[in-house]
Amino acid sequence: MTRFFSVLSLSILLLLVSGNLSSFALSAEPETGKQPETVAAGIPPVPEGTPEEMLDYIRTIRQVAAQPSSREEMMKSMQAIATATAEAADRALSQLKSSDDLFDEAAKAKLQSLMMLSRLGDTTASSNLQTFATSLIEGPSPALATEAKRLLLVQEAQELFTTRDLAKAPAVIQQAGALLAANPNDTATAGLAMQLASAFEHLPGGEALSKQAYETFGPLFQKSENESIQQMAESFQGTLRRLSLPGNPMEITGTLLNGKPFDQSTLAGKVVLVDFWATWCGPCIAEIPNVLEAYEKYSSQGFEVVGVSLDQDRDALEKFVNDRNIPWPILFETSEGSDWQHPLATYYGISGIPTVILIGKDGNVVSLNARGERLGELLDELFKNSSSTRGN
């Protein structure tokens, strides 16, 4: 379970981060005393009218209340709204000059709708987005140019994540860095950069790219005059610390569930699995049988597990540990904040759980994602090598 977002398609997630999907919400709150039109009733046709009337129409259809019963229905609903928005924005723009007050609003509406249609598989919209965004980048409005560059970056990033063509990642990181450098106080650009860095980490083989992204964006965040962006920079330090662990020692400190301080020296010479988890995390609980199996197989050969609980309720945690007969030490800290305030989780920038880090007998980190079948494979290899050494 991740700290910052629930399970969404990456395309929609990136759009949310860049601030370009909020107006396509499918369950907007109705105004008091008004019953919004339902999707079943359909989107009203785009009318003829002035730019003001076109923008009023766009605002109206974006407030259509939808309760889709399936993903397919949701996609159709989004497509209908985006198509109508693009047409209405075009009609408004045909009557406006770039210097007119309503031009920016109409242009942003067109950009956002074309992006949505592009992500829904409309190749014509994708081509139109490229053309229109390029015209805005070359136009007189810095704000629209930034918006256009950001959406083109989202489009390129989405293609990268869809195809898993990681060879293109350094260029995307460089483009995001350049956009951030040109707009150091823009929260939408900063949010997109941060999400890109996080998304790379969750791709197979993407940890090095994520590290590169954090190293690129971190100094730029630190230079920002925007306080919220500066706070993002602080979280970068922990994430970079974690991503730099492979091949290096990991510091493990804290208080055990019984209240005693944890002594890391007891781990010397052992293979250690550090498991950041919580009793409220479904994927964490699902992984416990796998870890127990590995523990039973290898504990006598020098395998240890250290659980780092992000729970707040000590009693509930103790009951869970006792009921499940969990044999390894659990680190727990009482905090008045959220579940994520464990000092070790903060120190290593833990933003999603389970995060499972494997340390070799030499004390250096072997893997940042030792879960599922991968845990067994890594342990088999580590203890096979150990057995071979003893045999010689």
Protein backbone atom coordinates (compact mmCIF):
# COMPACT_ATOMS: atom_id res chain seq x y z
CA MET A 1 0.00 0.00 0.00
CA THR A 2 1.42 3.35 -0.94
CA ARG A 3 1.42 6.41 1.21
CA PHE A 4 0.47 8.98 -1.39
CA PHE A 5 -2.00 7.36 -3.72
CA SER A 6 -4.45 4.53 -4.11
CA VAL A 7 -4.44 2.10 -7.00
CA LEU A 8 -5.00 4.08 -10.20
CA SER A 9 -3.86 3.71 -13.75
CA LEU A 10 -0.57 5.53 -14.22
CA SER A 11 -1.99 7.75 -16.91
CA ILE A 12 -4.72 9.09 -14.65
CA LEU A 13 -2.30 9.34 -11.75
CA LEU A 14 0.17 11.43 -13.69
CA LEU A 15 -2.61 13.70 -14.86
CA LEU A 16 -3.80 14.16 -11.32
CA VAL A 17 -0.31 15.08 -10.17
CA SER A 18 0.09 17.59 -12.97
CA GLY A 19 -3.21 19.17 -12.05
CA ASN A 20 -4.98 18.35 -15.29
CA LEU A 21 -7.62 15.79 -14.41
CA SER A 22 -9.42 17.35 -11.47
CA SER A 23 -11.95 19.02 -13.73
CA PHE A 24 -12.85 15.66 -15.28
CA ALA A 25 -14.08 14.28 -11.94
CA LEU A 26 -16.91 11.86 -12.50
CA SER A 27 -18.58 12.25 -9.14
CA ALA A 28 -18.65 15.98 -8.56
CA GLU A 29 -20.75 17.23 -5.69
CA PRO A 30 -24.00 18.75 -6.96
CA GLU A 31 -24.86 22.30 -6.07
CA THR A 32 -27.39 22.65 -3.28
CA GLY A 33 -30.91 22.30 -4.56
CA LYS A 34 -29.84 21.12 -8.00
CA GLN A 35 -29.91 17.60 -9.36
CA PRO A 36 -27.05 17.22 -11.85
CA GLU A 37 -27.57 15.41 -15.09
CA THR A 38 -26.61 11.74 -15.01
CA VAL A 39 -24.44 10.01 -17.54
CA ALA A 40 -27.40 7.81 -18.45
CA ALA A 41 -29.17 10.92 -19.73
CA GLY A 42 -26.17 11.68 -21.94
CA ILE A 43 -24.00 14.71 -22.48
CA PRO A 44 -25.92 17.63 -24.03
CA PRO A 45 -24.76 18.50 -27.55
CA VAL A 46 -22.27 21.32 -27.96
CA PRO A 47 -24.26 24.49 -28.68
CA GLU A 48 -23.47 27.42 -30.88
CA GLY A 49 -22.60 30.53 -28.95
CA THR A 50 -20.11 33.04 -27.67
CA PRO A 51 -16.82 32.09 -25.98
CA GLU A 52 -18.48 32.80 -22.63
CA GLU A 53 -21.30 30.40 -23.47
CA MET A 54 -18.84 27.73 -24.63
CA LEU A 55 -16.89 27.93 -21.37
CA ASP A 56 -20.11 27.84 -19.36
CA TYR A 57 -21.06 24.69 -21.27
CA ILE A 58 -17.67 23.12 -20.46
CA ARG A 59 -18.07 23.91 -16.78
CA THR A 60 -21.55 22.41 -16.82
CA ILE A 61 -20.67 19.09 -18.42
CA ARG A 62 -17.68 18.70 -16.13
CA GLN A 63 -20.13 18.65 -13.24
CA VAL A 64 -22.04 15.71 -14.67
CA ALA A 65 -22.48 13.22 -11.85
CA ALA A 66 -21.51 9.69 -12.80
CA GLN A 67 -21.71 6.45 -10.88
CA PRO A 68 -20.15 4.04 -13.36
CA SER A 69 -20.82 0.38 -12.71
CA SER A 70 -17.75 -0.77 -14.62
CA ARG A 71 -14.41 0.44 -15.87
CA GLU A 72 -15.77 0.38 -19.42
CA GLU A 73 -18.65 2.64 -18.47
CA MET A 74 -16.29 5.02 -16.71
CA MET A 75 -14.05 5.22 -19.78
CA LYS A 76 -17.01 5.94 -22.05
CA SER A 77 -18.16 8.67 -19.70
CA MET A 78 -14.73 10.29 -19.62
CA GLN A 79 -14.45 10.05 -23.39
CA ALA A 80 -17.84 11.71 -23.92
CA ILE A 81 -17.00 14.60 -21.62
CA ALA A 82 -13.53 15.06 -23.12
CA THR A 83 -14.86 14.97 -26.70
CA ALA A 84 -17.52 17.57 -25.97
CA THR A 85 -15.01 19.72 -24.08
CA ALA A 86 -12.56 19.69 -26.98
CA GLU A 87 -15.26 20.71 -29.45
CA ALA A 88 -16.57 23.51 -27.24
CA ALA A 89 -13.06 24.78 -26.55
CA ASP A 90 -12.36 24.84 -30.29
CA ARG A 91 -15.50 26.90 -30.91
CA ALA A 92 -14.46 29.35 -28.21
CA LEU A 93 -10.89 29.63 -29.49
CA SER A 94 -12.09 30.31 -33.03
CA GLN A 95 -13.61 33.54 -31.72
CA LEU A 96 -10.73 34.58 -29.46
CA LYS A 97 -7.32 36.18 -29.83
CA SER A 98 -4.41 35.08 -27.66
CA SER A 99 -4.62 38.43 -25.85
CA ASP A 100 -8.27 37.95 -24.87
CA ASP A 101 -9.09 37.25 -21.23
CA LEU A 102 -10.83 33.93 -21.94
CA PHE A 103 -8.17 32.56 -24.27
CA ASP A 104 -6.10 30.86 -21.55
CA GLU A 105 -9.11 29.10 -20.02
CA ALA A 106 -10.28 27.83 -23.39
CA ALA A 107 -6.78 26.72 -24.38
CA LYS A 108 -6.28 24.82 -21.12
CA ALA A 109 -9.64 23.11 -21.57
CA LYS A 110 -8.62 21.99 -25.06
CA LEU A 111 -5.22 20.77 -23.86
CA GLN A 112 -6.71 18.76 -21.03
CA SER A 113 -9.44 17.20 -23.14
CA LEU A 114 -7.01 16.22 -25.90
CA MET A 115 -4.72 14.65 -23.31
CA MET A 116 -7.59 12.65 -21.88
CA LEU A 117 -8.68 11.45 -25.32
CA SER A 118 -5.09 10.59 -26.17
CA ARG A 119 -4.79 8.46 -23.03
CA LEU A 120 -8.05 6.73 -23.99
CA GLY A 121 -6.46 5.60 -27.25
CA ASP A 122 -7.56 8.33 -29.66
CA THR A 123 -4.59 8.64 -32.03
CA THR A 124 -6.06 11.67 -33.79
CA ALA A 125 -6.35 13.46 -30.46
CA SER A 126 -2.76 12.52 -29.69
CA SER A 127 -1.59 14.10 -32.93
CA ASN A 128 -3.75 17.16 -32.36
CA LEU A 129 -2.35 17.50 -28.86
CA GLN A 130 1.20 17.59 -30.20
CA THR A 131 0.29 20.25 -32.75
CA PHE A 132 -1.73 22.42 -30.39
CA ALA A 133 0.74 22.16 -27.51
CA THR A 134 3.61 23.13 -29.80
CA SER A 135 1.70 26.21 -30.92
CA LEU A 136 1.19 27.23 -27.29
CA ILE A 137 4.84 26.65 -26.44
CA GLU A 138 5.75 29.05 -29.23
CA GLY A 139 2.98 31.49 -28.24
CA PRO A 140 3.03 34.61 -26.08
CA SER A 141 1.66 33.14 -22.82
CA PRO A 142 4.33 31.73 -20.44
CA ALA A 143 1.65 30.02 -18.34
CA LEU A 144 0.17 28.23 -21.34
CA ALA A 145 3.63 27.32 -22.60
CA THR A 146 4.41 25.69 -19.25
CA GLU A 147 1.08 23.87 -19.25
CA ALA A 148 1.71 22.59 -22.76
CA LYS A 149 5.24 21.42 -21.95
CA ARG A 150 4.01 19.64 -18.86
CA LEU A 151 1.28 17.79 -20.73
CA LEU A 152 3.68 16.74 -23.49
CA LEU A 153 6.00 15.44 -20.79
CA VAL A 154 3.14 13.48 -19.23
CA GLN A 155 2.34 12.01 -22.64
CA GLU A 156 5.95 10.96 -23.21
CA ALA A 157 6.24 9.53 -19.71
CA GLN A 158 3.04 7.56 -20.13
CA GLU A 159 4.34 6.01 -23.33
CA LEU A 160 7.55 5.08 -21.54
CA PHE A 161 5.71 3.40 -18.67
CA THR A 162 3.33 1.63 -21.03
CA THR A 163 6.07 0.20 -23.25
CA ARG A 164 8.59 -0.23 -20.39
CA ASP A 165 11.21 1.24 -22.73
CA LEU A 166 13.58 2.35 -19.98
CA ALA A 167 16.16 3.51 -22.52
CA LYS A 168 14.00 6.62 -22.94
CA ALA A 169 13.90 7.34 -19.22
CA PRO A 170 17.07 9.50 -18.94
CA ALA A 171 15.69 11.86 -21.59
CA VAL A 172 12.36 12.13 -19.77
CA ILE A 173 14.18 12.85 -16.50
CA GLN A 174 16.26 15.51 -18.23
CA GLN A 175 13.15 17.14 -19.72
CA ALA A 176 11.39 17.15 -16.35
CA GLY A 177 14.47 18.67 -14.75
CA ALA A 178 14.62 21.41 -17.37
CA LEU A 179 10.93 22.20 -16.91
CA LEU A 180 11.39 22.29 -13.15
CA ALA A 181 14.45 24.53 -13.43
CA ALA A 182 12.46 26.97 -15.55
CA ASN A 183 9.52 26.89 -13.11
CA PRO A 184 11.09 26.32 -9.66
CA ASN A 185 8.04 27.50 -7.71
CA ASP A 186 5.35 25.69 -9.70
CA THR A 187 3.74 23.01 -7.53
CA ALA A 188 2.16 21.19 -10.49
CA THR A 189 5.54 20.74 -12.18
CA ALA A 190 7.14 19.74 -8.88
CA GLY A 191 4.38 17.23 -8.21
CA LEU A 192 4.82 15.68 -11.62
CA ALA A 193 8.59 15.44 -11.13
CA MET A 194 8.14 13.77 -7.76
CA GLN A 195 5.62 11.29 -9.15
CA LEU A 196 7.91 10.43 -12.03
CA ALA A 197 10.74 9.67 -9.63
CA SER A 198 8.48 7.47 -7.53
CA ALA A 199 7.00 5.69 -10.56
CA PHE A 200 10.44 4.69 -11.84
CA GLU A 201 11.16 3.02 -8.51
CA HIS A 202 8.17 0.72 -8.94
CA LEU A 203 9.25 -0.51 -12.37
CA PRO A 204 11.30 -3.72 -12.57
CA GLY A 205 14.90 -2.59 -12.83
CA GLY A 206 13.90 1.03 -12.31
CA GLU A 207 15.62 1.73 -8.99
CA ALA A 208 18.73 3.25 -10.57
CA LEU A 209 16.54 5.49 -12.74
CA SER A 210 14.53 6.55 -9.71
CA LYS A 211 17.76 7.44 -7.93
CA GLN A 212 18.85 9.47 -10.96
CA ALA A 213 15.52 11.29 -10.95
CA TYR A 214 15.69 12.14 -7.26
CA GLU A 215 19.28 13.32 -7.66
CA THR A 216 18.22 15.52 -10.57
CA PHE A 217 15.12 17.00 -8.97
CA GLY A 218 16.30 17.27 -5.35
CA PRO A 219 18.67 20.25 -5.76
CA LEU A 220 16.05 22.05 -7.86
CA PHE A 221 13.45 21.53 -5.14
CA GLN A 222 15.84 22.91 -2.54
CA LYS A 223 16.29 26.12 -4.53
CA SER A 224 12.55 26.74 -4.73
CA GLU A 225 10.98 29.59 -2.80
CA ASN A 226 7.76 27.59 -2.52
CA GLU A 227 7.51 26.13 0.99
CA SER A 228 5.57 23.05 -0.09
CA ILE A 229 8.22 22.25 -2.71
CA GLN A 230 10.95 22.70 -0.10
CA GLN A 231 9.15 20.13 2.05
CA MET A 232 9.20 17.72 -0.89
CA ALA A 233 12.97 18.23 -1.02
CA GLU A 234 13.27 17.08 2.58
CA SER A 235 11.53 13.81 1.78
CA PHE A 236 13.90 13.32 -1.16
CA GLN A 237 16.84 12.93 1.19
CA GLY A 238 15.38 9.85 2.84
CA THR A 239 14.42 8.30 -0.47
CA LEU A 240 17.90 8.87 -1.88
CA ARG A 241 19.38 7.37 1.27
CA ARG A 242 17.33 4.22 0.71
CA LEU A 243 18.03 4.00 -3.02
CA SER A 244 21.76 4.30 -2.26
CA LEU A 245 21.69 1.28 0.07
CA PRO A 246 22.52 -1.56 -2.38
CA GLY A 247 26.12 -2.58 -1.76
CA ASN A 248 26.26 -0.50 1.42
CA PRO A 249 25.40 -1.04 5.11
CA MET A 250 21.97 -0.17 6.49
CA GLU A 251 21.56 1.51 9.85
CA ILE A 252 18.85 -0.18 11.93
CA THR A 253 17.87 1.59 15.13
CA GLY A 254 14.77 1.81 17.26
CA THR A 255 12.81 0.39 20.15
CA LEU A 256 11.53 -3.16 20.35
CA LEU A 257 7.88 -3.91 20.95
CA ASN A 258 8.77 -4.84 24.56
CA GLY A 259 10.19 -1.34 25.10
CA LYS A 260 13.87 -2.27 25.06
CA PRO A 261 16.35 -0.62 22.68
CA PHE A 262 17.29 -2.65 19.64
CA ASP A 263 20.93 -3.69 19.39
CA GLN A 264 22.03 -3.97 15.77
CA SER A 265 25.22 -5.78 16.77
CA THR A 266 23.11 -8.92 17.33
CA LEU A 267 22.73 -9.10 13.55
CA ALA A 268 26.45 -9.30 12.83
CA GLY A 269 27.28 -12.09 10.38
CA LYS A 270 23.64 -12.85 9.62
CA VAL A 271 21.49 -12.50 6.53
CA VAL A 272 18.82 -10.01 7.59
CA LEU A 273 15.44 -9.12 6.14
CA VAL A 274 14.18 -5.68 7.23
CA ASP A 275 10.42 -5.59 6.73
CA PHE A 276 8.56 -2.27 6.91
CA TRP A 277 4.95 -3.29 7.45
CA ALA A 278 1.71 -2.69 9.39
CA THR A 279 -1.20 -4.80 10.58
CA TRP A 280 -3.60 -2.65 8.50
CA CYS A 281 -1.68 -3.33 5.27
CA GLY A 282 -3.26 -6.18 3.29
CA PRO A 283 -0.24 -6.90 1.06
CA CYS A 284 1.98 -6.93 4.17
CA ILE A 285 -0.20 -9.55 5.83
CA ALA A 286 -0.30 -11.59 2.63
CA GLU A 287 3.51 -11.68 2.59
CA ILE A 288 3.88 -12.99 6.16
CA PRO A 289 3.45 -16.72 5.29
CA ASN A 290 6.22 -16.37 2.70
CA VAL A 291 8.56 -14.77 5.24
CA LEU A 292 7.66 -17.37 7.88
CA GLU A 293 8.50 -20.16 5.43
CA ALA A 294 11.88 -18.57 4.70
CA TYR A 295 12.51 -18.06 8.41
CA GLU A 296 11.77 -21.68 9.24
CA LYS A 297 14.05 -22.84 6.44
CA TYR A 298 17.04 -20.60 7.08
CA SER A 299 16.94 -19.24 10.65
CA SER A 300 19.16 -22.06 11.89
CA GLN A 301 21.72 -21.08 9.25
CA GLY A 302 21.89 -17.43 10.27
CA PHE A 303 18.80 -15.79 8.79
CA GLU A 304 17.01 -13.12 10.83
CA VAL A 305 14.04 -10.86 10.21
CA VAL A 306 13.52 -7.43 11.75
CA GLY A 307 10.01 -6.06 11.42
CA VAL A 308 9.53 -2.30 11.48
CA SER A 309 5.89 -1.69 12.34
CA LEU A 310 4.18 1.50 11.15
CA ASP A 311 1.19 0.84 13.40
CA GLN A 312 0.03 3.27 16.08
CA ASP A 313 -1.93 0.87 18.31
CA ARG A 314 0.57 -1.07 20.45
CA ASP A 315 -2.07 -3.38 21.94
CA ALA A 316 -3.44 -4.34 18.53
CA LEU A 317 0.08 -4.95 17.24
CA GLU A 318 1.01 -7.11 20.23
CA LYS A 319 -2.16 -9.17 19.80
CA PHE A 320 -1.45 -9.65 16.10
CA VAL A 321 2.15 -10.74 16.74
CA ASN A 322 1.06 -13.19 19.43
CA ASP A 323 -1.86 -14.59 17.45
CA ARG A 324 0.34 -15.17 14.39
CA ASN A 325 3.28 -16.50 16.45
CA ILE A 326 5.69 -14.14 14.72
CA PRO A 327 9.13 -15.13 16.02
CA TRP A 328 11.31 -12.21 14.93
CA PRO A 329 11.89 -8.87 16.67
CA ILE A 330 9.51 -6.02 15.91
CA LEU A 331 10.51 -2.35 16.14
CA PHE A 332 7.73 -0.03 17.24
CA GLU A 333 7.59 3.65 18.14
CA THR A 334 4.65 5.47 19.67
CA SER A 335 3.86 8.67 17.77
CA GLU A 336 1.14 11.28 17.86
CA GLY A 337 1.21 11.70 14.10
CA SER A 338 0.29 9.32 11.32
CA ASP A 339 1.25 5.67 11.03
CA TRP A 340 4.19 6.72 8.87
CA GLN A 341 6.13 8.57 11.56
CA HIS A 342 8.45 5.73 12.62
CA PRO A 343 11.93 7.33 12.64
CA LEU A 344 13.46 4.55 10.58
CA ALA A 345 10.72 4.84 7.94
CA THR A 346 11.30 8.59 7.75
CA TYR A 347 15.08 8.17 7.63
CA TYR A 348 14.84 5.88 4.62
CA GLY A 349 12.00 7.68 2.87
CA ILE A 350 9.55 4.77 3.06
CA SER A 351 6.50 5.78 1.03
CA GLY A 352 4.86 2.41 0.44
CA ILE A 353 4.58 -0.87 2.29
CA PRO A 354 5.55 -3.60 2.36
CA THR A 355 9.09 -2.41 1.75
CA VAL A 356 11.38 -5.38 2.29
CA ILE A 357 15.16 -4.90 2.30
CA LEU A 358 17.58 -7.83 2.34
CA ILE A 359 21.06 -7.54 3.88
CA GLY A 360 23.87 -10.03 3.28
CA LYS A 361 26.16 -11.55 5.90
CA ASP A 362 28.76 -8.89 5.18
CA GLY A 363 26.29 -6.25 6.36
CA ASN A 364 25.69 -4.76 2.92
CA VAL A 365 22.27 -4.48 1.31
CA VAL A 366 21.54 -7.05 -1.40
CA SER A 367 18.02 -6.07 -2.48
CA LEU A 368 15.47 -3.31 -1.87
CA ASN A 369 12.54 -5.50 -2.90
CA ALA A 370 12.97 -9.00 -1.49
CA ARG A 371 9.36 -10.17 -1.70
CA GLY A 372 7.47 -13.20 -2.93
CA GLU A 373 9.41 -15.71 -4.99
CA ARG A 374 12.30 -13.26 -5.23
CA LEU A 375 12.99 -13.62 -1.50
CA GLY A 376 13.36 -17.38 -1.82
CA GLU A 377 15.64 -17.03 -4.84
CA LEU A 378 17.89 -14.53 -3.07
CA LEU A 379 18.12 -16.61 0.10
CA ASP A 380 18.82 -19.80 -1.85
CA GLU A 381 21.69 -18.03 -3.58
CA LEU A 382 23.09 -16.44 -0.42
CA PHE A 383 23.04 -19.61 1.63
CA LYS A 384 24.22 -21.76 -1.27
CA ASN A 385 27.29 -19.59 -1.52
CA SER A 386 27.68 -19.78 2.23
CA SER A 387 27.44 -23.59 2.17
CA SER A 388 29.98 -23.78 -0.65
CA THR A 389 32.42 -21.68 1.36
CA ARG A 390 32.03 -23.91 4.42
CA GLY A 391 32.49 -26.97 2.24
CA ASN A 392 35.84 -25.70 1.03
